[in-house]
Amino acid sequence: MRVASESRPVPVHPLDRPIWSALTTRQQSLAEGGAMARRYPPAIAPFADMVDMSPKSFAALGAILSGSEIAVLFTPDAVTAPDEFKILLAETGEQMIGTPAESSLPGVETVTLGVNDVPEMIALTELTKPGPFSARTHELGTFLGIRIDGQLVAMTGERMKPGHYTEMTAVCVHPDHRGRGYAQMLLGAVARQIVSRGEIPFLHVFSNNTSAIALYQRQGMEIRRRLHVTVLQKQI
């Protein structure tokens, strides 16, 4: 009878460390850093992670941060940082998975957003605060929007791509246009393009954002697990 080796490592699900998984698989060409710590280019996203929480890994993370740059980590466990870092934020977020239901609205169409739309995309995210969004974030995947009378009033897109999963992000609607079903329509459209590629949609939302969690659950998504969201900065 064969006995399983007790020293065999337990497989880690790619979504348990989504940033590390993405930067070592489908988005490794974007990664800055090396074997111990990696991050996205700051103009794309502030997300980073380490192979583990050892002092050596934290030192590697510090080596790829300059000045006042921050590193945003999504981890299964709370982060205890060494003295050379300060923690700017320590919260929890819900990781949700599933394919939101398709929806349509009479007379409303989605448009694909690109580099020429970046100023409006940044303005909308600064107004609605869905999470980090920078000048090159749109390069991570397709972003769809809704324009009303020429104004960008809602958008959603793709961000992290760990393994065969793709994260939906920047789910935001201008305050003057909420309650009209735009977020649901965009979520369904983005999810449909993800599924068409044989991938599985997921997203992250802060644990205290109960209204957004309820929206995603009504759309057919479910909470997979809770992650710790930590924002680090080197002591200057």
Protein backbone atom coordinates (compact mmCIF):
# COMPACT_ATOMS: atom_id res chain seq x y z
CA MET A 1 0.00 0.00 0.00
CA ARG A 2 1.34 3.44 -0.97
CA VAL A 3 1.39 6.04 1.79
CA ALA A 4 1.26 9.72 0.85
CA SER A 5 4.35 11.62 1.85
CA GLU A 6 3.73 13.85 4.84
CA SER A 7 6.22 16.35 3.44
CA ARG A 8 4.33 16.83 0.21
CA PRO A 9 3.25 20.51 0.05
CA VAL A 10 -0.47 21.25 0.13
CA PRO A 11 -1.54 22.69 -3.23
CA VAL A 12 -2.31 26.41 -3.03
CA HIS A 13 -5.36 27.61 -4.94
CA PRO A 14 -4.39 30.41 -7.36
CA LEU A 15 -7.07 32.65 -5.89
CA ASP A 16 -5.68 32.36 -2.36
CA ARG A 17 -2.75 34.55 -3.47
CA PRO A 18 -4.25 36.16 -6.59
CA ILE A 19 -1.57 38.81 -7.08
CA TRP A 20 1.35 36.39 -6.82
CA SER A 21 -0.48 33.86 -8.99
CA ALA A 22 -1.19 36.44 -11.71
CA LEU A 23 2.38 37.79 -11.73
CA THR A 24 3.84 34.29 -12.00
CA THR A 25 1.43 33.01 -14.67
CA ARG A 26 -0.54 34.92 -17.30
CA GLN A 27 0.73 38.38 -16.34
CA GLN A 28 4.32 37.49 -15.57
CA SER A 29 5.49 39.62 -18.51
CA LEU A 30 4.32 42.67 -16.57
CA ALA A 31 6.03 41.73 -13.32
CA GLU A 32 8.73 43.84 -11.76
CA GLY A 33 10.93 42.05 -9.24
CA GLY A 34 12.13 38.48 -9.04
CA ALA A 35 11.78 35.17 -7.28
CA MET A 36 11.03 36.60 -3.83
CA ALA A 37 8.79 39.62 -4.54
CA ARG A 38 6.94 40.96 -7.55
CA ARG A 39 4.68 43.87 -8.39
CA TYR A 40 2.83 45.42 -11.29
CA PRO A 41 4.36 48.58 -12.77
CA PRO A 42 3.06 51.46 -10.60
CA ALA A 43 1.44 53.16 -13.61
CA ILE A 44 -0.69 50.03 -14.07
CA ALA A 45 -1.56 49.05 -10.49
CA PRO A 46 -0.07 49.23 -6.96
CA PHE A 47 -0.49 45.49 -6.31
CA ALA A 48 2.43 43.39 -5.12
CA ASP A 49 3.10 40.14 -3.29
CA MET A 50 5.88 37.92 -2.04
CA VAL A 51 6.61 34.23 -2.26
CA ASP A 52 6.24 34.11 1.55
CA MET A 53 6.29 36.40 4.59
CA SER A 54 9.95 35.86 5.48
CA PRO A 55 12.31 38.77 6.25
CA LYS A 56 14.15 37.96 3.02
CA SER A 57 10.94 38.36 1.01
CA PHE A 58 10.09 41.66 2.71
CA ALA A 59 13.61 42.88 1.91
CA ALA A 60 13.05 41.95 -1.74
CA LEU A 61 9.74 43.82 -1.72
CA GLY A 62 11.40 46.89 -0.23
CA ALA A 63 14.06 46.76 -2.93
CA ILE A 64 11.50 47.23 -5.72
CA LEU A 65 9.70 50.13 -4.01
CA SER A 66 11.00 53.66 -4.50
CA GLY A 67 10.33 56.73 -2.39
CA SER A 68 6.73 56.93 -1.23
CA GLU A 69 5.42 54.15 -3.51
CA ILE A 70 2.96 51.75 -1.91
CA ALA A 71 2.41 48.03 -2.19
CA VAL A 72 -1.12 46.66 -1.92
CA LEU A 73 -1.24 43.00 -0.86
CA PHE A 74 -4.15 40.53 -0.97
CA THR A 75 -3.27 37.63 1.34
CA PRO A 76 -5.04 34.76 3.13
CA ASP A 77 -3.63 35.82 6.50
CA ALA A 78 -3.04 39.16 8.18
CA VAL A 79 0.29 40.75 7.34
CA THR A 80 2.82 41.52 10.07
CA ALA A 81 5.39 43.81 8.50
CA PRO A 82 8.97 44.37 9.71
CA ASP A 83 9.99 47.75 11.12
CA GLU A 84 11.20 49.10 7.80
CA PHE A 85 7.58 49.23 6.59
CA LYS A 86 4.57 51.09 7.83
CA ILE A 87 1.04 49.79 7.36
CA LEU A 88 -1.22 52.44 5.82
CA LEU A 89 -4.30 50.23 5.67
CA ALA A 90 -5.28 46.83 7.01
CA GLU A 91 -8.79 45.72 6.07
CA THR A 92 -10.51 42.59 4.85
CA GLY A 93 -12.18 41.95 1.54
CA GLU A 94 -14.52 39.32 0.19
CA GLN A 95 -13.40 37.36 -2.84
CA MET A 96 -16.45 36.50 -4.92
CA ILE A 97 -16.64 34.08 -7.80
CA GLY A 98 -19.21 33.21 -10.43
CA THR A 99 -20.73 34.46 -13.66
CA PRO A 100 -23.12 37.39 -13.24
CA ALA A 101 -26.35 37.08 -15.14
CA GLU A 102 -26.62 38.84 -18.47
CA SER A 103 -28.88 41.87 -18.60
CA SER A 104 -29.80 44.47 -21.17
CA LEU A 105 -31.45 47.87 -21.08
CA PRO A 106 -33.54 49.36 -23.88
CA GLY A 107 -31.58 51.95 -25.81
CA VAL A 108 -28.39 51.44 -23.77
CA GLU A 109 -25.25 50.02 -25.37
CA THR A 110 -21.82 49.19 -24.00
CA VAL A 111 -18.70 50.63 -25.61
CA THR A 112 -15.11 49.38 -25.46
CA LEU A 113 -12.87 51.88 -23.72
CA GLY A 114 -9.28 52.58 -24.72
CA VAL A 115 -6.36 54.93 -24.26
CA ASN A 116 -8.32 57.96 -25.46
CA ASP A 117 -10.88 57.39 -22.71
CA VAL A 118 -8.33 57.24 -19.87
CA PRO A 119 -8.91 60.80 -18.57
CA GLU A 120 -12.64 60.13 -18.22
CA MET A 121 -12.00 56.69 -16.72
CA ILE A 122 -9.71 58.18 -14.09
CA ALA A 123 -12.19 60.97 -13.34
CA LEU A 124 -15.00 58.43 -12.86
CA THR A 125 -12.93 56.23 -10.55
CA GLU A 126 -11.77 59.24 -8.53
CA LEU A 127 -15.40 60.19 -8.05
CA THR A 128 -16.70 56.73 -7.16
CA LYS A 129 -13.65 55.11 -5.45
CA PRO A 130 -14.00 51.51 -6.72
CA GLY A 131 -10.32 50.82 -6.03
CA PRO A 132 -6.93 51.71 -7.51
CA PHE A 133 -7.05 52.92 -11.10
CA SER A 134 -4.08 54.49 -12.86
CA ALA A 135 -3.11 55.77 -16.28
CA ARG A 136 -2.26 52.30 -17.62
CA THR A 137 -4.73 50.12 -15.70
CA HIS A 138 -6.79 49.68 -18.84
CA GLU A 139 -3.89 47.69 -20.35
CA LEU A 140 -4.72 44.74 -18.06
CA GLY A 141 -7.76 43.73 -20.10
CA THR A 142 -10.89 44.90 -21.84
CA PHE A 143 -12.84 47.72 -20.20
CA LEU A 144 -16.44 48.38 -21.14
CA GLY A 145 -18.40 51.55 -20.47
CA ILE A 146 -21.77 53.18 -20.87
CA ARG A 147 -22.08 56.71 -22.24
CA ILE A 148 -25.15 58.85 -21.77
CA ASP A 149 -25.27 62.02 -23.89
CA GLY A 150 -21.58 61.52 -24.56
CA GLN A 151 -20.57 61.33 -20.88
CA LEU A 152 -18.95 58.22 -19.46
CA VAL A 153 -21.29 57.32 -16.59
CA ALA A 154 -20.40 53.68 -15.85
CA MET A 155 -17.64 51.19 -16.50
CA THR A 156 -16.24 47.79 -15.58
CA GLY A 157 -13.21 45.87 -16.80
CA GLU A 158 -10.60 43.17 -16.25
CA ARG A 159 -7.58 43.29 -13.96
CA MET A 160 -5.69 40.38 -12.35
CA LYS A 161 -5.41 37.15 -14.34
CA PRO A 162 -4.23 34.33 -12.06
CA GLY A 163 -4.26 30.94 -13.75
CA HIS A 164 -7.52 30.42 -15.64
CA TYR A 165 -9.35 33.06 -13.59
CA THR A 166 -9.92 36.70 -14.56
CA GLU A 167 -10.82 39.43 -12.09
CA MET A 168 -13.55 41.95 -12.82
CA THR A 169 -12.71 45.41 -11.51
CA ALA A 170 -13.54 49.13 -11.52
CA VAL A 171 -17.27 48.48 -11.16
CA CYS A 172 -18.46 52.05 -10.91
CA VAL A 173 -21.44 54.22 -11.79
CA HIS A 174 -21.64 58.01 -11.62
CA PRO A 175 -23.78 59.05 -8.61
CA ASP A 176 -26.27 60.85 -10.89
CA HIS A 177 -26.91 57.64 -12.86
CA ARG A 178 -27.23 54.98 -10.18
CA GLY A 179 -30.20 52.70 -9.77
CA ARG A 180 -30.68 52.20 -13.50
CA GLY A 181 -29.09 48.78 -13.88
CA TYR A 182 -25.85 49.95 -15.51
CA ALA A 183 -23.55 48.04 -13.15
CA GLN A 184 -25.49 44.81 -13.67
CA MET A 185 -25.40 45.24 -17.43
CA LEU A 186 -21.65 45.85 -17.50
CA LEU A 187 -20.87 43.01 -15.09
CA GLY A 188 -22.81 40.61 -17.27
CA ALA A 189 -21.08 41.84 -20.43
CA VAL A 190 -17.55 41.62 -18.97
CA ALA A 191 -18.27 38.20 -17.47
CA ARG A 192 -19.58 36.96 -20.81
CA GLN A 193 -16.32 37.83 -22.58
CA ILE A 194 -14.30 36.16 -19.79
CA VAL A 195 -16.33 32.96 -19.98
CA SER A 196 -16.09 32.95 -23.79
CA ARG A 197 -12.34 32.51 -23.38
CA GLY A 198 -12.78 29.52 -21.09
CA GLU A 199 -11.93 31.52 -17.95
CA ILE A 200 -13.76 31.98 -14.65
CA PRO A 201 -14.80 35.47 -13.46
CA PHE A 202 -14.14 36.66 -9.91
CA LEU A 203 -13.85 39.97 -8.08
CA HIS A 204 -12.89 41.57 -4.78
CA VAL A 205 -14.96 43.87 -2.59
CA PHE A 206 -14.27 45.30 0.86
CA SER A 207 -16.08 43.34 3.57
CA ASN A 208 -17.90 46.45 4.81
CA ASN A 209 -19.36 47.24 1.36
CA THR A 210 -22.53 45.31 2.04
CA SER A 211 -24.55 46.95 -0.74
CA ALA A 212 -22.04 45.89 -3.41
CA ILE A 213 -21.82 42.37 -1.97
CA ALA A 214 -25.61 42.12 -2.10
CA LEU A 215 -25.61 43.33 -5.72
CA TYR A 216 -23.06 40.70 -6.75
CA GLN A 217 -24.98 37.98 -4.93
CA ARG A 218 -28.18 38.97 -6.70
CA GLN A 219 -26.22 38.65 -9.93
CA GLY A 220 -25.39 35.03 -9.10
CA MET A 221 -21.93 35.38 -7.56
CA GLU A 222 -20.96 33.86 -4.24
CA ILE A 223 -18.30 34.56 -1.64
CA ARG A 224 -15.37 32.19 -2.04
CA ARG A 225 -13.26 33.37 0.88
CA ARG A 226 -12.13 36.40 2.87
CA LEU A 227 -8.73 37.96 2.15
CA HIS A 228 -6.65 40.52 4.02
CA VAL A 229 -6.00 43.77 2.15
CA THR A 230 -2.82 45.48 3.35
CA VAL A 231 -1.23 48.67 2.07
CA LEU A 232 2.49 48.95 2.86
CA GLN A 233 4.96 51.77 2.45
CA LYS A 234 8.65 51.87 3.29
CA GLN A 235 9.63 54.03 6.24
CA ILE A 236 11.39 57.11 4.93
